[in-house]
Amino acid sequence: MPPSDPTQPTDLPMASTLSPEQMADVSIPPPQIKGYEILAELAAAGQGRVWRARQLGTRREVALKVPRVDLLRSRVALTRFEREVELAARLSHPNIAQIYDSGIHQGLYYYAMELIDGVWLDAYVKEHNLSQVHILRVMQTVCDAIQHAHQSGVIHRDLKPSNILVTKDGQPHVVDFGLAAAIVREDATGTVSLDGEVTGTPAYMSPEQAAGQRERVDTRTDVYSLGVVFYRLVTGSFPYDVNTSMLQTLQNIRDRDPIRPSKLVHHLDRDTEAIILKALEKEPDRRYQSVAELKADIERRLTGMPVLARSDSSFYLLRKLMAKHRYTSTVAALLLVIIVGFATFSLQLSQRLRQTNRELVRQNELSLERTADFTSLAEAAVFGRFLEAWHKGDRPSAAWFATPFPKGTRHAVAVQFFLDERPLSDKMNEFRTKLPESEPGFMEFIIAEHCLKDGDRQQATSLYRACLSHQDLEQKDPWRATWVKRRLYELTDGHLGVSLPTESEAKNL
């Protein structure tokens, strides 16, 4: 364990009740513990010292932790030490320092744990100049370790880079569960409460810790601290000013919004920033509700999937799904159709009707946020490509675009209707009979497209207006509403404000 952290602010507030002068105690002789050979001192923590030692029975080197001499007479301190051993001993994970042994020798408490020969996490990131992707992978591993601790009933409560050591093979290891708490315990009255005092390193504290709200400290507290660690690894800074007094630091944590990471690292991608900011939400209910959720979002970011931190945007989800599956068989074809169709459509409207286009895209986005139905959107886009090919007389392409629609669905019936070369009057009744119940205005829309191809612009215009007269059209089928508006724009030379037919007129159509 390294003796100091060059990346930490020099006047960082400390959570220990000991002053810095007391912490820098004069050197003391190594403890004499049966079965162990003390090799060197590794670190001096707030509640004890850690020594490099050799376990004589196994000949392996371990980290031996003993309480400070001045705390041996404190029952509270010894109880806390015993609790640290008990909680840490619950954990068995390759990225958590393992407890090997504990006991009392001649009145001296001790425990031996796995010796992690590594450097502090932030120092490792800086030394190796890790990329954002590598930082994400390291955080993914750390989250996996903390998730195991939570599942074992242990909250760390003091997560920071100096408590995460990275070995030469690049593996992070979580150490020092000295401030850990059991998630819940049942007291004599049968009520459930948190065990242990709220403490930690102020710069990495959660707002509920900074406010001294013991009853609100839970696994989401570790989520927040991981968010601070993540922020520091990516930006090299803290989310708010911590180079001040302890009281001011705690107030900053409670009240100040974190500085957006992208303001400090301009090439930071939005997904990573969204993950960090969600972990740093002031209110626990707005954070990731578990380290497992944080880890899952990191995995989504690494694999190109949509992250939950930005899941309230349906266009964002659609874009990420398209990027993920662009080169897979049938899905690739459908997604490519969507990209080409929307790009072409947007280009046409932006040249002649930019203001109207912005409004339509806004309405379309709001509708997609409510429905989030990717399958329906893909079918609509493919059907649009079918219509384009059919209008051009390109029957082979039209037949190809018709293949994805399941038999008997409204799109399949419409495709059969279009590809039937009989006159419109001869096949109208058959079409009405076969068409299943569907969203309002679909029949008018299909017949309007046929009239448009036959050159009957007046009848097509009336039918498009009848289709658009259904008040819930944009909510149930935003793609068709947009398509119809574009047709009306083309047929009326841009005069979209014409009055729509009455309900009785729409029925007659």
Protein backbone atom coordinates (compact mmCIF):
# COMPACT_ATOMS: atom_id res chain seq x y z
CA MET A 1 0.00 0.00 0.00
CA PRO A 2 1.57 3.35 -1.00
CA PRO A 3 2.31 5.87 1.76
CA SER A 4 0.83 8.89 0.03
CA ASP A 5 -1.42 9.97 -2.82
CA PRO A 6 0.13 12.67 -5.03
CA THR A 7 -3.22 13.26 -6.79
CA GLN A 8 -5.14 14.18 -3.64
CA PRO A 9 -5.46 17.88 -2.65
CA THR A 10 -2.92 18.76 0.04
CA ASP A 11 -5.53 20.30 2.34
CA LEU A 12 -8.21 17.64 1.81
CA PRO A 13 -10.43 17.44 4.93
CA MET A 14 -10.00 14.24 6.93
CA ALA A 15 -12.78 12.35 8.65
CA SER A 16 -10.70 11.05 11.55
CA THR A 17 -11.05 12.65 14.96
CA LEU A 18 -7.24 12.71 15.10
CA SER A 19 -5.32 15.74 13.94
CA PRO A 20 -2.73 15.43 11.16
CA GLU A 21 0.00 15.86 13.79
CA GLN A 22 -1.38 12.93 15.76
CA MET A 23 -1.68 10.85 12.60
CA ALA A 24 2.01 11.44 11.92
CA ASP A 25 2.86 9.70 15.17
CA VAL A 26 6.42 8.94 16.02
CA SER A 27 7.63 5.61 14.79
CA ILE A 28 6.77 2.69 17.02
CA PRO A 29 8.31 -0.77 17.14
CA PRO A 30 6.52 -3.44 15.12
CA PRO A 31 4.07 -5.61 17.04
CA GLN A 32 5.06 -9.07 18.21
CA ILE A 33 2.33 -11.49 17.15
CA LYS A 34 2.73 -15.22 17.41
CA GLY A 35 2.87 -16.94 14.04
CA TYR A 36 3.90 -13.82 12.10
CA GLU A 37 7.18 -12.19 11.13
CA ILE A 38 6.84 -8.43 10.66
CA LEU A 39 8.73 -7.25 7.57
CA ALA A 40 7.85 -3.55 7.18
CA GLU A 41 5.20 -0.97 7.87
CA LEU A 42 2.84 -0.41 4.94
CA ALA A 43 0.50 2.35 6.10
CA ALA A 44 -0.90 4.19 9.09
CA ALA A 45 -4.69 4.45 9.02
CA GLY A 46 -6.92 6.51 11.26
CA GLN A 47 -7.77 3.54 13.48
CA GLY A 48 -4.66 1.42 13.16
CA ARG A 49 -1.48 0.48 11.35
CA VAL A 50 -0.92 -1.99 8.54
CA TRP A 51 2.26 -4.05 8.42
CA ARG A 52 3.79 -6.25 5.78
CA ALA A 53 4.26 -9.61 7.44
CA ARG A 54 5.02 -13.25 6.70
CA GLN A 55 2.65 -15.90 8.02
CA LEU A 56 5.04 -18.50 9.35
CA GLY A 57 2.70 -21.44 8.94
CA THR A 58 2.06 -20.86 5.24
CA ARG A 59 5.16 -18.74 4.39
CA ARG A 60 2.95 -16.33 2.51
CA GLU A 61 3.21 -12.59 2.87
CA VAL A 62 0.14 -10.83 4.25
CA ALA A 63 -1.04 -7.39 5.29
CA LEU A 64 -1.35 -7.40 9.09
CA LYS A 65 -3.59 -4.76 10.60
CA VAL A 66 -3.55 -3.86 14.31
CA PRO A 67 -5.33 -1.02 16.15
CA ARG A 68 -3.37 1.98 17.32
CA VAL A 69 -1.90 1.54 20.78
CA ASP A 70 -3.85 4.49 22.19
CA LEU A 71 -7.15 2.82 21.13
CA LEU A 72 -6.55 -0.47 22.89
CA ARG A 73 -8.26 0.83 26.02
CA SER A 74 -11.32 2.02 24.06
CA ARG A 75 -14.11 -0.53 24.05
CA VAL A 76 -15.84 1.36 21.21
CA ALA A 77 -12.69 1.31 19.08
CA LEU A 78 -12.10 -2.38 19.70
CA THR A 79 -15.73 -3.16 18.94
CA ARG A 80 -15.35 -1.29 15.66
CA PHE A 81 -12.19 -3.26 14.91
CA GLU A 82 -13.94 -6.55 15.65
CA ARG A 83 -16.83 -5.46 13.44
CA GLU A 84 -14.42 -4.68 10.59
CA VAL A 85 -13.02 -8.20 10.82
CA GLU A 86 -16.47 -9.76 11.00
CA LEU A 87 -17.85 -7.82 8.02
CA ALA A 88 -14.75 -8.22 5.85
CA ALA A 89 -14.65 -11.95 6.60
CA ARG A 90 -18.07 -12.32 4.95
CA LEU A 91 -16.62 -11.38 1.59
CA SER A 92 -15.04 -13.74 -0.91
CA HIS A 93 -14.36 -12.03 -4.22
CA PRO A 94 -11.23 -11.94 -6.41
CA ASN A 95 -11.25 -8.13 -6.35
CA ILE A 96 -11.68 -7.73 -2.58
CA ALA A 97 -8.75 -8.25 -0.20
CA GLN A 98 -9.44 -11.55 1.55
CA ILE A 99 -9.28 -12.03 5.33
CA TYR A 100 -7.01 -14.94 6.28
CA ASP A 101 -6.81 -14.84 10.05
CA SER A 102 -7.72 -12.77 13.12
CA GLY A 103 -7.28 -12.98 16.84
CA ILE A 104 -5.82 -11.51 20.04
CA HIS A 105 -2.21 -12.05 21.07
CA GLN A 106 -1.20 -10.84 24.51
CA GLY A 107 -4.06 -8.33 24.49
CA LEU A 108 -3.27 -7.06 20.99
CA TYR A 109 -6.04 -7.38 18.41
CA TYR A 110 -5.00 -8.16 14.84
CA TYR A 111 -6.16 -9.57 11.57
CA ALA A 112 -4.24 -10.79 8.54
CA MET A 113 -5.52 -10.16 5.06
CA GLU A 114 -4.42 -10.66 1.48
CA LEU A 115 -1.43 -8.50 0.61
CA ILE A 116 -2.30 -6.38 -2.42
CA ASP A 117 0.93 -5.17 -4.00
CA GLY A 118 -0.43 -2.28 -6.02
CA VAL A 119 -0.93 1.46 -6.34
CA TRP A 120 -3.92 3.66 -5.65
CA LEU A 121 -6.50 3.69 -8.41
CA ASP A 122 -6.19 7.35 -9.41
CA ALA A 123 -2.40 7.13 -9.44
CA TYR A 124 -2.60 4.05 -11.66
CA VAL A 125 -4.93 5.79 -14.12
CA LYS A 126 -2.66 8.83 -14.29
CA GLU A 127 0.55 6.79 -14.55
CA HIS A 128 -0.77 4.63 -17.41
CA ASN A 129 -2.77 7.43 -19.05
CA LEU A 130 -5.79 5.14 -19.32
CA SER A 131 -8.39 5.89 -21.99
CA GLN A 132 -12.05 6.39 -21.16
CA VAL A 133 -12.81 2.83 -22.27
CA HIS A 134 -10.14 1.39 -19.97
CA ILE A 135 -11.46 3.50 -17.07
CA LEU A 136 -14.93 2.16 -17.76
CA ARG A 137 -13.62 -1.41 -17.62
CA VAL A 138 -11.81 -0.77 -14.34
CA MET A 139 -14.96 0.78 -12.84
CA GLN A 140 -16.96 -2.20 -14.10
CA THR A 141 -14.69 -4.53 -12.12
CA VAL A 142 -14.84 -2.33 -9.00
CA CYS A 143 -18.64 -2.27 -9.23
CA ASP A 144 -18.68 -6.06 -9.43
CA ALA A 145 -16.68 -6.26 -6.19
CA ILE A 146 -18.89 -3.74 -4.36
CA GLN A 147 -22.00 -5.48 -5.66
CA HIS A 148 -20.70 -8.69 -4.05
CA ALA A 149 -20.18 -6.83 -0.77
CA HIS A 150 -23.73 -5.46 -0.87
CA GLN A 151 -25.14 -8.89 -1.64
CA SER A 152 -23.21 -10.16 1.38
CA GLY A 153 -24.83 -7.49 3.55
CA VAL A 154 -21.92 -5.05 3.76
CA ILE A 155 -21.77 -1.34 2.87
CA HIS A 156 -18.23 0.01 2.49
CA ARG A 157 -19.01 3.71 3.25
CA ASP A 158 -15.47 4.92 2.52
CA LEU A 159 -14.89 4.23 -1.16
CA LYS A 160 -12.09 6.33 -2.63
CA PRO A 161 -9.09 5.74 -4.90
CA SER A 162 -6.76 5.05 -1.97
CA ASN A 163 -9.01 2.17 -0.91
CA ILE A 164 -8.85 0.62 -4.38
CA LEU A 165 -5.42 -0.80 -5.18
CA VAL A 166 -4.47 -1.80 -8.72
CA THR A 167 -1.92 -4.57 -9.18
CA LYS A 168 0.61 -4.86 -11.99
CA ASP A 169 -1.79 -6.94 -14.06
CA GLY A 170 -4.29 -4.06 -14.05
CA GLN A 171 -6.74 -5.66 -11.62
CA PRO A 172 -8.34 -3.35 -9.01
CA HIS A 173 -8.82 -4.64 -5.45
CA VAL A 174 -11.08 -3.03 -2.84
CA VAL A 175 -9.48 -2.80 0.60
CA ASP A 176 -10.08 -1.23 4.03
CA PHE A 177 -13.55 -2.08 5.24
CA GLY A 178 -12.77 -0.26 8.49
CA LEU A 179 -15.82 1.98 8.14
CA ALA A 180 -18.07 -0.69 6.67
CA ALA A 181 -21.52 -1.27 8.10
CA ALA A 182 -23.94 -4.15 8.06
CA ILE A 183 -26.80 -3.17 5.79
CA VAL A 184 -29.49 -3.99 8.36
CA ARG A 185 -29.75 -5.49 11.80
CA GLU A 186 -32.68 -6.16 14.06
CA ASP A 187 -32.47 -4.73 17.58
CA ALA A 188 -34.25 -5.93 20.70
CA THR A 189 -37.42 -4.01 19.85
CA GLY A 190 -37.70 -5.62 16.43
CA THR A 191 -37.04 -2.42 14.46
CA VAL A 192 -34.60 -2.45 11.58
CA SER A 193 -31.82 0.17 11.58
CA LEU A 194 -28.39 0.85 10.14
CA ASP A 195 -25.43 -0.38 12.10
CA GLY A 196 -22.42 1.83 12.76
CA GLU A 197 -21.61 5.51 12.65
CA VAL A 198 -21.74 7.65 9.54
CA THR A 199 -18.18 8.67 8.73
CA GLY A 200 -15.73 8.64 5.87
CA THR A 201 -13.54 10.89 3.74
CA PRO A 202 -15.52 14.12 3.14
CA ALA A 203 -14.50 14.56 -0.50
CA TYR A 204 -16.10 11.20 -1.35
CA MET A 205 -19.08 11.38 1.01
CA SER A 206 -22.64 11.20 -0.23
CA PRO A 207 -25.00 14.12 0.57
CA GLU A 208 -26.79 12.02 3.20
CA GLN A 209 -23.46 11.26 4.87
CA ALA A 210 -22.45 14.92 4.72
CA ALA A 211 -25.75 15.85 6.36
CA GLY A 212 -25.26 13.27 9.13
CA GLN A 213 -28.48 11.47 8.16
CA ARG A 214 -27.66 7.99 9.45
CA GLU A 215 -31.11 6.64 8.67
CA ARG A 216 -30.67 7.39 4.94
CA VAL A 217 -27.31 5.66 4.50
CA ASP A 218 -27.71 2.50 2.43
CA THR A 219 -26.13 0.82 -0.60
CA ARG A 220 -26.89 3.91 -2.70
CA THR A 221 -24.36 5.74 -0.53
CA ASP A 222 -21.64 3.56 -2.06
CA VAL A 223 -23.15 4.30 -5.50
CA TYR A 224 -22.57 8.02 -4.90
CA SER A 225 -18.98 7.50 -3.71
CA LEU A 226 -18.28 5.38 -6.81
CA GLY A 227 -19.68 8.29 -8.86
CA VAL A 228 -17.13 10.64 -7.24
CA VAL A 229 -14.34 8.13 -7.90
CA PHE A 230 -15.49 7.75 -11.52
CA TYR A 231 -15.65 11.56 -11.92
CA ARG A 232 -12.13 11.97 -10.54
CA LEU A 233 -10.65 9.26 -12.75
CA VAL A 234 -12.16 10.81 -15.89
CA THR A 235 -11.57 14.52 -15.13
CA GLY A 236 -8.74 14.54 -12.59
CA SER A 237 -10.88 16.82 -10.41
CA PHE A 238 -13.69 16.65 -7.88
CA PRO A 239 -17.32 17.48 -8.75
CA TYR A 240 -17.17 20.52 -6.44
CA ASP A 241 -14.62 22.44 -4.39
CA VAL A 242 -13.10 20.34 -1.60
CA ASN A 243 -9.98 22.47 -1.01
CA THR A 244 -11.66 24.35 1.79
CA SER A 245 -12.77 23.84 5.38
CA MET A 246 -14.55 20.64 6.36
CA LEU A 247 -17.84 22.45 7.00
CA GLN A 248 -17.70 24.19 3.62
CA THR A 249 -16.81 20.92 1.88
CA LEU A 250 -19.78 19.16 3.46
CA GLN A 251 -22.03 22.06 2.48
CA ASN A 252 -20.77 21.89 -1.11
CA ILE A 253 -21.58 18.19 -1.24
CA ARG A 254 -25.08 18.75 0.11
CA ASP A 255 -26.05 21.84 -1.91
CA ARG A 256 -23.89 22.39 -5.00
CA ASP A 257 -24.56 20.69 -8.30
CA PRO A 258 -21.51 18.89 -9.68
CA ILE A 259 -19.62 20.56 -12.50
CA ARG A 260 -20.51 18.73 -15.71
CA PRO A 261 -17.54 16.48 -16.61
CA SER A 262 -17.74 17.57 -20.26
CA LYS A 263 -16.79 21.11 -19.20
CA LEU A 264 -13.47 19.73 -17.94
CA VAL A 265 -12.94 17.00 -20.57
CA HIS A 266 -14.29 18.25 -23.90
CA HIS A 267 -13.99 14.90 -25.71
CA LEU A 268 -16.01 13.04 -23.06
CA ASP A 269 -18.89 11.17 -24.66
CA ARG A 270 -22.42 11.92 -23.47
CA ASP A 271 -23.18 8.38 -22.32
CA THR A 272 -20.24 8.30 -19.90
CA GLU A 273 -21.15 11.75 -18.60
CA ALA A 274 -24.77 10.70 -18.10
CA ILE A 275 -23.67 7.63 -16.10
CA ILE A 276 -21.45 9.72 -13.82
CA LEU A 277 -24.10 12.39 -13.23
CA LYS A 278 -26.79 9.83 -12.45
CA ALA A 279 -24.54 8.24 -9.84
CA LEU A 280 -23.99 11.75 -8.37
CA GLU A 281 -27.65 12.63 -7.96
CA LYS A 282 -28.22 14.39 -4.61
CA GLU A 283 -31.41 12.47 -3.88
CA PRO A 284 -30.81 8.71 -3.44
CA ASP A 285 -34.09 7.93 -5.21
CA ARG A 286 -32.76 9.60 -8.38
CA ARG A 287 -29.45 7.70 -8.39
CA TYR A 288 -28.87 4.19 -9.59
CA GLN A 289 -30.76 2.13 -7.03
CA SER A 290 -27.93 -0.37 -6.74
CA VAL A 291 -24.32 -0.83 -7.76
CA ALA A 292 -25.64 -3.59 -10.04
CA GLU A 293 -27.58 -0.96 -12.02
CA LEU A 294 -24.48 1.24 -12.29
CA LYS A 295 -22.41 -1.74 -13.45
CA ALA A 296 -25.10 -2.68 -16.00
CA ASP A 297 -25.11 0.83 -17.49
CA ILE A 298 -21.31 0.75 -17.77
CA GLU A 299 -21.61 -2.58 -19.61
CA ARG A 300 -24.20 -1.04 -21.95
CA ARG A 301 -21.85 1.86 -22.67
CA LEU A 302 -18.99 -0.57 -23.43
CA THR A 303 -21.12 -2.68 -25.78
CA GLY A 304 -22.75 0.25 -27.58
CA MET A 305 -26.21 -0.35 -26.13
CA PRO A 306 -28.44 2.49 -24.83
CA VAL A 307 -27.66 3.48 -21.25
CA LEU A 308 -30.49 3.84 -18.74
CA ALA A 309 -29.14 7.22 -17.65
CA ARG A 310 -30.43 8.62 -20.98
CA SER A 311 -33.39 6.28 -21.48
CA ASP A 312 -35.98 9.10 -21.46
CA SER A 313 -35.13 9.88 -25.11
CA SER A 314 -36.66 7.38 -27.53
CA PHE A 315 -34.72 8.77 -30.52
CA TYR A 316 -31.54 8.15 -28.55
CA LEU A 317 -32.58 4.54 -27.89
CA LEU A 318 -33.41 4.02 -31.55
CA ARG A 319 -30.06 5.40 -32.68
CA LYS A 320 -28.11 3.20 -30.25
CA LEU A 321 -30.03 0.07 -31.23
CA MET A 322 -29.37 0.76 -34.91
CA ALA A 323 -25.66 1.19 -34.25
CA LYS A 324 -25.58 -2.05 -32.25
CA HIS A 325 -27.29 -4.22 -34.90
CA ARG A 326 -26.28 -2.50 -38.12
CA TYR A 327 -24.49 -5.52 -39.55
CA THR A 328 -26.86 -8.32 -38.55
CA SER A 329 -28.95 -10.07 -41.24
CA THR A 330 -32.60 -9.05 -41.40
CA VAL A 331 -32.40 -6.45 -38.67
CA ALA A 332 -29.58 -4.76 -40.56
CA ALA A 333 -31.78 -4.34 -43.62
CA LEU A 334 -34.64 -2.89 -41.60
CA LEU A 335 -32.41 -0.49 -39.72
CA LEU A 336 -30.68 0.65 -42.89
CA VAL A 337 -34.09 1.37 -44.38
CA ILE A 338 -34.96 3.49 -41.36
CA ILE A 339 -31.72 5.46 -41.62
CA VAL A 340 -32.04 6.10 -45.34
CA GLY A 341 -35.76 6.86 -45.15
CA PHE A 342 -35.51 9.31 -42.32
CA ALA A 343 -32.40 10.99 -43.75
CA THR A 344 -34.04 11.47 -47.15
CA PHE A 345 -37.29 12.64 -45.64
CA SER A 346 -35.53 15.12 -43.33
CA LEU A 347 -33.44 16.51 -46.21
CA GLN A 348 -36.48 17.14 -48.42
CA LEU A 349 -38.42 18.95 -45.74
CA SER A 350 -35.46 20.96 -44.45
CA GLN A 351 -34.92 22.53 -47.87
CA ARG A 352 -38.49 23.82 -48.28
CA LEU A 353 -40.13 23.84 -44.87
CA ARG A 354 -37.51 24.06 -42.12
CA GLN A 355 -39.75 25.52 -39.47
CA THR A 356 -42.50 23.00 -40.13
CA ASN A 357 -39.93 20.20 -40.13
CA ARG A 358 -38.65 21.19 -36.68
CA GLU A 359 -42.18 21.13 -35.32
CA LEU A 360 -42.95 17.77 -36.92
CA VAL A 361 -39.72 16.24 -35.60
CA ARG A 362 -40.51 17.61 -32.14
CA GLN A 363 -44.00 16.13 -32.23
CA ASN A 364 -42.62 12.87 -33.58
CA GLU A 365 -40.01 12.71 -30.83
CA LEU A 366 -42.60 13.38 -28.10
CA SER A 367 -44.80 10.66 -29.55
CA LEU A 368 -41.89 8.20 -29.70
CA GLU A 369 -41.04 8.98 -26.08
CA ARG A 370 -44.55 7.88 -25.10
CA THR A 371 -44.70 4.74 -27.23
CA ALA A 372 -41.07 3.56 -27.45
CA ASP A 373 -42.25 0.89 -29.87
CA PHE A 374 -39.25 0.10 -32.03
CA THR A 375 -40.90 -2.77 -33.92
CA SER A 376 -43.83 -0.62 -35.02
CA LEU A 377 -41.51 2.15 -36.16
CA ALA A 378 -39.39 -0.28 -38.18
CA GLU A 379 -42.47 -1.73 -39.91
CA ALA A 380 -43.72 1.76 -40.76
CA ALA A 381 -40.37 2.76 -42.24
CA VAL A 382 -40.18 -0.41 -44.36
CA PHE A 383 -43.76 0.19 -45.52
CA GLY A 384 -42.70 3.70 -46.55
CA ARG A 385 -39.90 2.26 -48.65
CA PHE A 386 -42.41 -0.14 -50.20
CA LEU A 387 -44.64 2.80 -51.15
CA GLU A 388 -41.73 4.68 -52.71
CA ALA A 389 -40.78 1.66 -54.85
CA TRP A 390 -44.42 1.00 -55.79
CA HIS A 391 -45.02 4.59 -56.84
CA LYS A 392 -41.93 4.43 -59.04
CA GLY A 393 -43.17 1.23 -60.68
CA ASP A 394 -40.23 -0.74 -59.31
CA ARG A 395 -42.15 -3.95 -58.58
CA PRO A 396 -39.10 -6.14 -57.71
CA SER A 397 -38.00 -3.69 -55.02
CA ALA A 398 -41.56 -3.26 -53.83
CA ALA A 399 -41.97 -7.03 -53.55
CA TRP A 400 -38.73 -7.27 -51.56
CA PHE A 401 -39.85 -4.60 -49.08
CA ALA A 402 -43.19 -6.44 -48.70
CA THR A 403 -41.62 -9.63 -47.33
CA PRO A 404 -41.20 -8.69 -43.61
CA PHE A 405 -44.93 -8.16 -42.94
CA PRO A 406 -46.71 -11.11 -41.25
CA LYS A 407 -49.66 -12.52 -43.17
CA GLY A 408 -53.02 -11.02 -42.24
CA THR A 409 -51.64 -7.82 -40.69
CA ARG A 410 -52.80 -4.45 -41.94
CA HIS A 411 -49.51 -3.81 -43.77
CA ALA A 412 -49.63 -7.24 -45.43
CA VAL A 413 -53.24 -6.65 -46.61
CA ALA A 414 -52.28 -3.20 -47.89
CA VAL A 415 -49.28 -4.59 -49.78
CA GLN A 416 -51.47 -7.24 -51.44
CA PHE A 417 -53.95 -4.49 -52.37
CA PHE A 418 -51.24 -2.35 -53.98
CA LEU A 419 -49.65 -5.22 -55.91
CA ASP A 420 -53.02 -6.33 -57.28
CA GLU A 421 -53.02 -4.88 -60.83
CA ARG A 422 -56.82 -4.71 -61.13
CA PRO A 423 -58.45 -1.26 -61.27
CA LEU A 424 -59.19 0.41 -57.97
CA SER A 425 -62.96 0.01 -58.30
CA ASP A 426 -62.71 -3.74 -58.88
CA LYS A 427 -60.72 -4.49 -55.74
CA MET A 428 -62.01 -1.84 -53.29
CA ASN A 429 -64.67 -3.99 -51.58
CA GLU A 430 -62.32 -6.94 -51.23
CA PHE A 431 -59.76 -4.67 -49.59
CA ARG A 432 -62.29 -3.29 -47.11
CA THR A 433 -63.34 -6.84 -46.19
CA LYS A 434 -59.85 -8.18 -45.62
CA LEU A 435 -58.50 -5.16 -43.74
CA PRO A 436 -58.36 -5.99 -40.00
CA GLU A 437 -59.26 -3.50 -37.31
CA SER A 438 -56.47 -0.97 -37.12
CA GLU A 439 -55.59 2.54 -36.10
CA PRO A 440 -57.96 5.29 -37.34
CA GLY A 441 -57.56 6.54 -40.89
CA PHE A 442 -55.47 3.63 -42.20
CA MET A 443 -57.96 2.67 -44.92
CA GLU A 444 -58.27 6.28 -46.14
CA PHE A 445 -54.47 6.53 -46.17
CA ILE A 446 -54.05 3.39 -48.33
CA ILE A 447 -56.77 4.38 -50.84
CA ALA A 448 -55.31 7.92 -51.02
CA GLU A 449 -51.92 6.48 -51.99
CA HIS A 450 -53.61 4.44 -54.75
CA CYS A 451 -55.51 7.50 -56.02
CA LEU A 452 -52.29 9.49 -56.03
CA LYS A 453 -50.56 6.89 -58.20
CA ASP A 454 -53.61 6.79 -60.52
CA GLY A 455 -53.32 10.57 -60.96
CA ASP A 456 -56.52 11.45 -59.07
CA ARG A 457 -54.94 14.22 -56.99
CA GLN A 458 -58.25 15.73 -55.89
CA GLN A 459 -59.59 12.47 -54.45
CA ALA A 460 -56.19 11.72 -52.89
CA THR A 461 -56.19 15.13 -51.19
CA SER A 462 -59.67 14.56 -49.76
CA LEU A 463 -58.72 11.14 -48.45
CA TYR A 464 -55.49 12.43 -46.89
CA ARG A 465 -57.50 15.12 -45.10
CA ALA A 466 -59.99 12.51 -43.93
CA CYS A 467 -57.12 10.43 -42.58
CA LEU A 468 -55.65 13.45 -40.81
CA SER A 469 -59.02 14.39 -39.28
CA HIS A 470 -58.74 11.60 -36.71
CA GLN A 471 -57.69 13.42 -33.56
CA ASP A 472 -55.65 10.56 -32.10
CA LEU A 473 -53.74 9.80 -35.31
CA GLU A 474 -50.49 11.48 -34.24
CA GLN A 475 -50.54 9.70 -30.90
CA LYS A 476 -51.22 6.21 -32.28
CA ASP A 477 -49.28 6.39 -35.56
CA PRO A 478 -46.89 9.37 -35.69
CA TRP A 479 -45.11 8.02 -38.79
CA ARG A 480 -48.34 7.94 -40.84
CA ALA A 481 -49.35 11.41 -39.59
CA THR A 482 -46.01 12.79 -40.76
CA TRP A 483 -46.28 11.01 -44.13
CA VAL A 484 -49.82 12.35 -44.72
CA LYS A 485 -48.78 15.90 -43.83
CA ARG A 486 -45.95 15.68 -46.33
CA ARG A 487 -48.35 14.46 -49.03
CA LEU A 488 -50.77 17.31 -48.29
CA TYR A 489 -47.89 19.74 -48.45
CA GLU A 490 -46.95 18.45 -51.91
CA LEU A 491 -50.55 18.38 -53.18
CA THR A 492 -51.55 21.84 -51.88
CA ASP A 493 -48.30 23.67 -52.76
CA GLY A 494 -47.43 24.21 -49.12
CA HIS A 495 -50.84 25.43 -47.90
CA LEU A 496 -51.12 23.09 -44.92
CA GLY A 497 -53.57 25.36 -43.14
CA VAL A 498 -56.60 24.35 -45.25
CA SER A 499 -59.65 23.33 -43.27
CA LEU A 500 -60.16 19.65 -42.59
CA PRO A 501 -63.44 17.88 -43.52
CA THR A 502 -66.15 17.45 -40.94
CA GLU A 503 -66.77 14.05 -39.33
CA SER A 504 -69.74 13.32 -41.63
CA GLU A 505 -67.73 14.32 -44.70
CA ALA A 506 -64.91 12.06 -43.57
CA LYS A 507 -67.28 9.11 -43.28
CA ASN A 508 -68.62 9.71 -46.82
CA LEU A 509 -65.06 9.57 -48.12
